[in-house]
């Protein structure tokens, strides 16, 4: 079973990073919830943290190429309608 298809309700983000000049990588990240540190008014609140799920292994020549490739991976993993495959 694909580790990305285990839960029906997920918050997935796609981002692109330029790690070296002219080398762009897509990264899929999933939101997790953590309790905020008990520091005054943040007490009892939850903060949202994203952890990497999948990432490009090879760089793309432009931001837009990396973004399109990342969307293609999301569609492959979750289906074109956004439903988990």
PDB file of N, CA and C in Angstrom:
ATOM      1  N   UNK A   1       0.845  -1.181   0.000  1.00  0.00           N
ATOM      2  CA  UNK A   1       0.000   0.000   0.000  1.00  0.00           C
ATOM      3  C   UNK A   1       0.890   1.243   0.000  1.00  0.00           C
ATOM      4  N   UNK A   2       0.523   2.214  -0.814  1.00  0.00           N
ATOM      5  CA  UNK A   2       1.266   3.469  -0.888  1.00  0.00           C
ATOM      6  C   UNK A   2       1.111   4.227   0.424  1.00  0.00           C
ATOM      7  N   UNK A   3       2.205   4.703   0.995  1.00  0.00           N
ATOM      8  CA  UNK A   3       2.125   5.393   2.277  1.00  0.00           C
ATOM      9  C   UNK A   3       1.358   6.697   2.190  1.00  0.00           C
ATOM     10  N   UNK A   4       1.154   7.233   0.975  1.00  0.00           N
ATOM     11  CA  UNK A   4       0.407   8.466   0.820  1.00  0.00           C
ATOM     12  C   UNK A   4      -1.090   8.234   0.757  1.00  0.00           C
ATOM     13  N   UNK A   5      -1.541   6.995   0.650  1.00  0.00           N
ATOM     14  CA  UNK A   5      -2.969   6.741   0.486  1.00  0.00           C
ATOM     15  C   UNK A   5      -3.590   6.075   1.706  1.00  0.00           C
ATOM     16  N   UNK A   6      -3.059   6.271   2.864  1.00  0.00           N
ATOM     17  CA  UNK A   6      -3.554   5.604   4.051  1.00  0.00           C
ATOM     18  C   UNK A   6      -4.712   6.345   4.724  1.00  0.00           C
ATOM     19  N   UNK A   7      -4.795   7.659   4.629  1.00  0.00           N
ATOM     20  CA  UNK A   7      -5.813   8.431   5.309  1.00  0.00           C
ATOM     21  C   UNK A   7      -6.675   9.176   4.305  1.00  0.00           C
ATOM     22  N   UNK A   8      -8.017   9.171   4.464  1.00  0.00           N
ATOM     23  CA  UNK A   8      -8.876   9.837   3.488  1.00  0.00           C
ATOM     24  C   UNK A   8      -8.869  11.357   3.594  1.00  0.00           C
ATOM     25  N   UNK A   9      -8.509  11.930   4.716  1.00  0.00           N
ATOM     26  CA  UNK A   9      -8.535  13.373   4.888  1.00  0.00           C
ATOM     27  C   UNK A   9      -7.124  13.877   5.186  1.00  0.00           C
ATOM     28  N   UNK A  10      -6.532  14.562   4.192  1.00  0.00           N
ATOM     29  CA  UNK A  10      -5.141  14.998   4.346  1.00  0.00           C
ATOM     30  C   UNK A  10      -4.963  16.385   3.773  1.00  0.00           C
ATOM     31  N   UNK A  11      -4.053  17.133   4.348  1.00  0.00           N
ATOM     32  CA  UNK A  11      -3.713  18.458   3.852  1.00  0.00           C
ATOM     33  C   UNK A  11      -2.315  18.358   3.257  1.00  0.00           C
ATOM     34  N   UNK A  12      -2.248  18.342   1.929  1.00  0.00           N
ATOM     35  CA  UNK A  12      -0.986  18.177   1.208  1.00  0.00           C
ATOM     36  C   UNK A  12      -0.625  19.505   0.549  1.00  0.00           C
ATOM     37  N   UNK A  13       0.625  19.894   0.679  1.00  0.00           N
ATOM     38  CA  UNK A  13       1.119  21.125   0.046  1.00  0.00           C
ATOM     39  C   UNK A  13       2.196  20.769  -0.966  1.00  0.00           C
ATOM     40  N   UNK A  14       2.252  21.549  -2.032  1.00  0.00           N
ATOM     41  CA  UNK A  14       3.294  21.407  -3.042  1.00  0.00           C
ATOM     42  C   UNK A  14       4.101  22.696  -3.037  1.00  0.00           C
ATOM     43  N   UNK A  15       5.393  22.568  -2.934  1.00  0.00           N
ATOM     44  CA  UNK A  15       6.263  23.737  -2.972  1.00  0.00           C
ATOM     45  C   UNK A  15       7.437  23.448  -3.895  1.00  0.00           C
ATOM     46  N   UNK A  16       8.100  24.506  -4.335  1.00  0.00           N
ATOM     47  CA  UNK A  16       9.281  24.377  -5.191  1.00  0.00           C
ATOM     48  C   UNK A  16      10.428  25.131  -4.528  1.00  0.00           C
ATOM     49  N   UNK A  17      11.575  24.477  -4.449  1.00  0.00           N
ATOM     50  CA  UNK A  17      12.760  25.085  -3.846  1.00  0.00           C
ATOM     51  C   UNK A  17      13.871  25.178  -4.884  1.00  0.00           C
ATOM     52  N   UNK A  18      14.574  26.288  -4.888  1.00  0.00           N
ATOM     53  CA  UNK A  18      15.763  26.439  -5.720  1.00  0.00           C
ATOM     54  C   UNK A  18      16.965  26.208  -4.807  1.00  0.00           C
ATOM     55  N   UNK A  19      17.494  24.994  -4.835  1.00  0.00           N
ATOM     56  CA  UNK A  19      18.578  24.637  -3.919  1.00  0.00           C
ATOM     57  C   UNK A  19      19.930  25.170  -4.380  1.00  0.00           C
ATOM     58  N   UNK A  20      20.139  25.213  -5.664  1.00  0.00           N
ATOM     59  CA  UNK A  20      21.316  25.830  -6.281  1.00  0.00           C
ATOM     60  C   UNK A  20      20.782  26.734  -7.386  1.00  0.00           C
ATOM     61  N   UNK A  21      21.551  27.707  -7.777  1.00  0.00           N
ATOM     62  CA  UNK A  21      21.097  28.631  -8.824  1.00  0.00           C
ATOM     63  C   UNK A  21      20.697  27.849 -10.077  1.00  0.00           C
ATOM     64  N   UNK A  22      19.436  28.022 -10.494  1.00  0.00           N
ATOM     65  CA  UNK A  22      18.951  27.355 -11.698  1.00  0.00           C
ATOM     66  C   UNK A  22      18.586  25.902 -11.530  1.00  0.00           C
ATOM     67  N   UNK A  23      18.528  25.388 -10.302  1.00  0.00           N
ATOM     68  CA  UNK A  23      18.149  23.996 -10.038  1.00  0.00           C
ATOM     69  C   UNK A  23      16.950  23.975  -9.104  1.00  0.00           C
ATOM     70  N   UNK A  24      15.789  23.609  -9.657  1.00  0.00           N
ATOM     71  CA  UNK A  24      14.529  23.667  -8.924  1.00  0.00           C
ATOM     72  C   UNK A  24      14.007  22.264  -8.638  1.00  0.00           C
ATOM     73  N   UNK A  25      13.525  22.075  -7.421  1.00  0.00           N
ATOM     74  CA  UNK A  25      13.013  20.786  -6.971  1.00  0.00           C
ATOM     75  C   UNK A  25      11.614  20.969  -6.400  1.00  0.00           C
ATOM     76  N   UNK A  26      10.676  20.088  -6.778  1.00  0.00           N
ATOM     77  CA  UNK A  26       9.352  20.106  -6.156  1.00  0.00           C
ATOM     78  C   UNK A  26       9.409  19.273  -4.884  1.00  0.00           C
ATOM     79  N   UNK A  27       8.567  19.621  -3.925  1.00  0.00           N
ATOM     80  CA  UNK A  27       8.462  18.886  -2.668  1.00  0.00           C
ATOM     81  C   UNK A  27       6.988  18.804  -2.278  1.00  0.00           C
ATOM     82  N   UNK A  28       6.498  17.601  -2.012  1.00  0.00           N
ATOM     83  CA  UNK A  28       5.162  17.404  -1.464  1.00  0.00           C
ATOM     84  C   UNK A  28       5.296  17.279   0.042  1.00  0.00           C
ATOM     85  N   UNK A  29       4.442  18.011   0.754  1.00  0.00           N
ATOM     86  CA  UNK A  29       4.508  18.006   2.210  1.00  0.00           C
ATOM     87  C   UNK A  29       3.110  17.777   2.771  1.00  0.00           C
ATOM     88  N   UNK A  30       3.045  17.142   3.937  1.00  0.00           N
ATOM     89  CA  UNK A  30       1.764  16.892   4.588  1.00  0.00           C
ATOM     90  C   UNK A  30       1.716  17.618   5.920  1.00  0.00           C
ATOM     91  N   UNK A  31       0.555  18.202   6.194  1.00  0.00           N
ATOM     92  CA  UNK A  31       0.364  18.917   7.447  1.00  0.00           C
ATOM     93  C   UNK A  31       0.203  17.937   8.602  1.00  0.00           C
ATOM     94  N   UNK A  32       0.855  18.257   9.707  1.00  0.00           N
ATOM     95  CA  UNK A  32       0.657  17.538  10.960  1.00  0.00           C
ATOM     96  C   UNK A  32       0.312  18.584  12.005  1.00  0.00           C
ATOM     97  N   UNK A  33      -0.304  18.167  13.075  1.00  0.00           N
ATOM     98  CA  UNK A  33      -0.650  19.119  14.125  1.00  0.00           C
ATOM     99  C   UNK A  33       0.164  18.825  15.364  1.00  0.00           C
ATOM    100  N   UNK A  34       0.668  19.885  15.957  1.00  0.00           N
ATOM    101  CA  UNK A  34       1.404  19.778  17.207  1.00  0.00           C
ATOM    102  C   UNK A  34       0.836  20.812  18.162  1.00  0.00           C
ATOM    103  N   UNK A  35       0.872  20.495  19.428  1.00  0.00           N
ATOM    104  CA  UNK A  35       0.446  21.484  20.398  1.00  0.00           C
ATOM    105  C   UNK A  35       1.527  22.541  20.527  1.00  0.00           C
ATOM    106  N   UNK A  36       1.095  23.800  20.630  1.00  0.00           N
ATOM    107  CA  UNK A  36       2.047  24.894  20.792  1.00  0.00           C
ATOM    108  C   UNK A  36       2.675  24.812  22.174  1.00  0.00           C
ATOM    109  N   UNK A  37       3.877  25.313  22.265  1.00  0.00           N
ATOM    110  CA  UNK A  37       4.558  25.367  23.559  1.00  0.00           C
ATOM    111  C   UNK A  37       3.723  26.229  24.509  1.00  0.00           C
ATOM    112  N   UNK A  38       3.740  25.909  25.760  1.00  0.00           N
ATOM    113  CA  UNK A  38       2.967  26.674  26.737  1.00  0.00           C
ATOM    114  C   UNK A  38       3.710  27.966  27.069  1.00  0.00           C
ATOM    115  N   UNK A  39       3.472  28.986  26.237  1.00  0.00           N
ATOM    116  CA  UNK A  39       4.157  30.266  26.440  1.00  0.00           C
ATOM    117  C   UNK A  39       3.147  31.410  26.374  1.00  0.00           C
ATOM    118  N   UNK A  40       2.378  31.531  27.429  1.00  0.00           N
ATOM    119  CA  UNK A  40       1.431  32.641  27.494  1.00  0.00           C
ATOM    120  C   UNK A  40       0.202  32.392  26.651  1.00  0.00           C
ATOM    121  N   UNK A  41      -0.062  33.281  25.677  1.00  0.00           N
ATOM    122  CA  UNK A  41      -1.305  33.210  24.920  1.00  0.00           C
ATOM    123  C   UNK A  41      -1.328  32.055  23.921  1.00  0.00           C
ATOM    124  N   UNK A  42      -0.237  31.376  23.681  1.00  0.00           N
ATOM    125  CA  UNK A  42      -0.232  30.226  22.770  1.00  0.00           C
ATOM    126  C   UNK A  42      -0.676  28.952  23.473  1.00  0.00           C
ATOM    127  N   UNK A  43      -0.902  29.047  24.785  1.00  0.00           N
ATOM    128  CA  UNK A  43      -1.248  27.861  25.556  1.00  0.00           C
ATOM    129  C   UNK A  43      -2.533  27.224  25.048  1.00  0.00           C
ATOM    130  N   UNK A  44      -2.481  25.925  24.846  1.00  0.00           N
ATOM    131  CA  UNK A  44      -3.641  25.186  24.419  1.00  0.00           C
ATOM    132  C   UNK A  44      -3.906  25.224  22.924  1.00  0.00           C
ATOM    133  N   UNK A  45      -3.206  26.029  22.173  1.00  0.00           N
ATOM    134  CA  UNK A  45      -3.412  26.101  20.729  1.00  0.00           C
ATOM    135  C   UNK A  45      -2.614  25.013  20.030  1.00  0.00           C
ATOM    136  N   UNK A  46      -3.035  24.713  18.823  1.00  0.00           N
ATOM    137  CA  UNK A  46      -2.255  23.789  18.005  1.00  0.00           C
ATOM    138  C   UNK A  46      -1.588  24.571  16.899  1.00  0.00           C
ATOM    139  N   UNK A  47      -0.402  24.162  16.535  1.00  0.00           N
ATOM    140  CA  UNK A  47       0.260  24.787  15.393  1.00  0.00           C
ATOM    141  C   UNK A  47       0.347  23.748  14.300  1.00  0.00           C
ATOM    142  N   UNK A  48       0.412  24.229  13.077  1.00  0.00           N
ATOM    143  CA  UNK A  48       0.436  23.338  11.932  1.00  0.00           C
ATOM    144  C   UNK A  48       1.849  23.273  11.388  1.00  0.00           C
ATOM    145  N   UNK A  49       2.319  22.063  11.246  1.00  0.00           N
ATOM    146  CA  UNK A  49       3.674  21.812  10.772  1.00  0.00           C
ATOM    147  C   UNK A  49       3.574  20.895   9.560  1.00  0.00           C
ATOM    148  N   UNK A  50       4.363  21.167   8.558  1.00  0.00           N
ATOM    149  CA  UNK A  50       4.381  20.330   7.359  1.00  0.00           C
ATOM    150  C   UNK A  50       5.655  19.496   7.341  1.00  0.00           C
ATOM    151  N   UNK A  51       5.493  18.223   7.036  1.00  0.00           N
ATOM    152  CA  UNK A  51       6.636  17.320   6.932  1.00  0.00           C
ATOM    153  C   UNK A  51       6.728  16.811   5.498  1.00  0.00           C
ATOM    154  N   UNK A  52       7.935  16.670   4.976  1.00  0.00           N
ATOM    155  CA  UNK A  52       8.092  16.198   3.588  1.00  0.00           C
ATOM    156  C   UNK A  52       7.582  14.776   3.407  1.00  0.00           C
ATOM    157  N   UNK A  53       6.912  14.546   2.268  1.00  0.00           N
ATOM    158  CA  UNK A  53       6.434  13.207   1.901  1.00  0.00           C
ATOM    159  C   UNK A  53       7.199  12.651   0.709  1.00  0.00           C
ATOM    160  N   UNK A  54       7.306  13.458  -0.323  1.00  0.00           N
ATOM    161  CA  UNK A  54       7.971  13.067  -1.567  1.00  0.00           C
ATOM    162  C   UNK A  54       8.701  14.294  -2.091  1.00  0.00           C
ATOM    163  N   UNK A  55       9.769  14.068  -2.845  1.00  0.00           N
ATOM    164  CA  UNK A  55      10.518  15.181  -3.430  1.00  0.00           C
ATOM    165  C   UNK A  55      11.187  14.728  -4.718  1.00  0.00           C
ATOM    166  N   UNK A  56      11.435  15.690  -5.576  1.00  0.00           N
ATOM    167  CA  UNK A  56      12.151  15.406  -6.824  1.00  0.00           C
ATOM    168  C   UNK A  56      13.580  14.982  -6.494  1.00  0.00           C
ATOM    169  N   UNK A  57      14.066  13.992  -7.212  1.00  0.00           N
ATOM    170  CA  UNK A  57      15.451  13.547  -7.025  1.00  0.00           C
ATOM    171  C   UNK A  57      16.400  14.292  -7.944  1.00  0.00           C
ATOM    172  N   UNK A  58      15.879  14.733  -9.078  1.00  0.00           N
ATOM    173  CA  UNK A  58      16.688  15.444 -10.058  1.00  0.00           C
ATOM    174  C   UNK A  58      16.142  16.856 -10.232  1.00  0.00           C
ATOM    175  N   UNK A  59      17.012  17.819 -10.485  1.00  0.00           N
ATOM    176  CA  UNK A  59      16.556  19.211 -10.614  1.00  0.00           C
ATOM    177  C   UNK A  59      15.872  19.489 -11.944  1.00  0.00           C
ATOM    178  N   UNK A  60      15.047  20.534 -11.946  1.00  0.00           N
ATOM    179  CA  UNK A  60      14.401  21.057 -13.148  1.00  0.00           C
ATOM    180  C   UNK A  60      15.031  22.412 -13.455  1.00  0.00           C
ATOM    181  N   UNK A  61      15.015  22.784 -14.733  1.00  0.00           N
ATOM    182  CA  UNK A  61      15.691  24.015 -15.170  1.00  0.00           C
ATOM    183  C   UNK A  61      14.930  25.279 -14.803  1.00  0.00           C
ATOM    184  N   UNK A  62      13.624  25.145 -14.470  1.00  0.00           N
ATOM    185  CA  UNK A  62      12.858  26.340 -14.120  1.00  0.00           C
ATOM    186  C   UNK A  62      11.870  26.013 -13.006  1.00  0.00           C
ATOM    187  N   UNK A  63      11.424  27.058 -12.342  1.00  0.00           N
ATOM    188  CA  UNK A  63      10.414  26.924 -11.293  1.00  0.00           C
ATOM    189  C   UNK A  63       9.145  26.301 -11.869  1.00  0.00           C
ATOM    190  N   UNK A  64       8.706  26.812 -13.021  1.00  0.00           N
ATOM    191  CA  UNK A  64       7.448  26.327 -13.602  1.00  0.00           C
ATOM    192  C   UNK A  64       7.541  24.857 -14.011  1.00  0.00           C
ATOM    193  N   UNK A  65       8.671  24.418 -14.530  1.00  0.00           N
ATOM    194  CA  UNK A  65       8.823  22.999 -14.883  1.00  0.00           C
ATOM    195  C   UNK A  65       8.748  22.114 -13.638  1.00  0.00           C
ATOM    196  N   UNK A  66       9.370  22.550 -12.560  1.00  0.00           N
ATOM    197  CA  UNK A  66       9.325  21.783 -11.315  1.00  0.00           C
ATOM    198  C   UNK A  66       7.910  21.761 -10.756  1.00  0.00           C
ATOM    199  N   UNK A  67       7.205  22.888 -10.834  1.00  0.00           N
ATOM    200  CA  UNK A  67       5.838  22.956 -10.340  1.00  0.00           C
ATOM    201  C   UNK A  67       4.920  22.018 -11.116  1.00  0.00           C
ATOM    202  N   UNK A  68       5.023  22.032 -12.437  1.00  0.00           N
ATOM    203  CA  UNK A  68       4.201  21.152 -13.274  1.00  0.00           C
ATOM    204  C   UNK A  68       4.511  19.680 -12.962  1.00  0.00           C
ATOM    205  N   UNK A  69       5.776  19.358 -12.783  1.00  0.00           N
ATOM    206  CA  UNK A  69       6.153  17.982 -12.447  1.00  0.00           C
ATOM    207  C   UNK A  69       5.583  17.584 -11.087  1.00  0.00           C
ATOM    208  N   UNK A  70       5.601  18.503 -10.125  1.00  0.00           N
ATOM    209  CA  UNK A  70       5.028  18.226  -8.809  1.00  0.00           C
ATOM    210  C   UNK A  70       3.530  17.982  -8.878  1.00  0.00           C
ATOM    211  N   UNK A  71       2.827  18.772  -9.685  1.00  0.00           N
ATOM    212  CA  UNK A  71       1.381  18.570  -9.867  1.00  0.00           C
ATOM    213  C   UNK A  71       1.126  17.204 -10.500  1.00  0.00           C
ATOM    214  N   UNK A  72       1.945  16.814 -11.456  1.00  0.00           N
ATOM    215  CA  UNK A  72       1.786  15.502 -12.091  1.00  0.00           C
ATOM    216  C   UNK A  72       1.937  14.380 -11.065  1.00  0.00           C
ATOM    217  N   UNK A  73       2.871  14.521 -10.143  1.00  0.00           N
ATOM    218  CA  UNK A  73       3.052  13.510  -9.097  1.00  0.00           C
ATOM    219  C   UNK A  73       1.830  13.490  -8.186  1.00  0.00           C
ATOM    220  N   UNK A  74       1.306  14.667  -7.827  1.00  0.00           N
ATOM    221  CA  UNK A  74       0.100  14.712  -7.000  1.00  0.00           C
ATOM    222  C   UNK A  74      -1.063  14.005  -7.692  1.00  0.00           C
ATOM    223  N   UNK A  75      -1.219  14.237  -8.984  1.00  0.00           N
ATOM    224  CA  UNK A  75      -2.307  13.582  -9.726  1.00  0.00           C
ATOM    225  C   UNK A  75      -2.113  12.075  -9.768  1.00  0.00           C
ATOM    226  N   UNK A  76      -0.866  11.650  -9.937  1.00  0.00           N
ATOM    227  CA  UNK A  76      -0.597  10.212  -9.960  1.00  0.00           C
ATOM    228  C   UNK A  76      -0.921   9.582  -8.602  1.00  0.00           C
ATOM    229  N   UNK A  77      -0.570  10.273  -7.527  1.00  0.00           N
ATOM    230  CA  UNK A  77      -0.788   9.731  -6.189  1.00  0.00           C
ATOM    231  C   UNK A  77      -2.226   9.848  -5.709  1.00  0.00           C
ATOM    232  N   UNK A  78      -2.899  10.947  -6.044  1.00  0.00           N
ATOM    233  CA  UNK A  78      -4.205  11.228  -5.479  1.00  0.00           C
ATOM    234  C   UNK A  78      -5.330  11.269  -6.503  1.00  0.00           C
ATOM    235  N   UNK A  79      -5.035  11.120  -7.783  1.00  0.00           N
ATOM    236  CA  UNK A  79      -6.055  11.158  -8.809  1.00  0.00           C
ATOM    237  C   UNK A  79      -6.314  12.580  -9.282  1.00  0.00           C
ATOM    238  N   UNK A  80      -6.813  12.707 -10.480  1.00  0.00           N
ATOM    239  CA  UNK A  80      -7.030  14.029 -11.069  1.00  0.00           C
ATOM    240  C   UNK A  80      -8.157  14.794 -10.396  1.00  0.00           C
ATOM    241  N   UNK A  81      -9.032  14.088  -9.680  1.00  0.00           N
ATOM    242  CA  UNK A  81     -10.147  14.747  -8.990  1.00  0.00           C
ATOM    243  C   UNK A  81      -9.784  15.097  -7.537  1.00  0.00           C
ATOM    244  N   UNK A  82      -8.537  14.830  -7.152  1.00  0.00           N
ATOM    245  CA  UNK A  82      -8.125  15.131  -5.782  1.00  0.00           C
ATOM    246  C   UNK A  82      -8.446  14.040  -4.791  1.00  0.00           C
ATOM    247  N   UNK A  83      -9.047  12.954  -5.274  1.00  0.00           N
ATOM    248  CA  UNK A  83      -9.361  11.835  -4.400  1.00  0.00           C
ATOM    249  C   UNK A  83      -8.139  10.944  -4.288  1.00  0.00           C
ATOM    250  N   UNK A  84      -8.001  10.326  -3.167  1.00  0.00           N
ATOM    251  CA  UNK A  84      -6.853   9.454  -2.950  1.00  0.00           C
ATOM    252  C   UNK A  84      -7.025   8.201  -3.800  1.00  0.00           C
ATOM    253  N   UNK A  85      -5.978   7.904  -4.548  1.00  0.00           N
ATOM    254  CA  UNK A  85      -6.017   6.740  -5.451  1.00  0.00           C
ATOM    255  C   UNK A  85      -5.825   5.452  -4.690  1.00  0.00           C
TER     256      UNK A  85
END
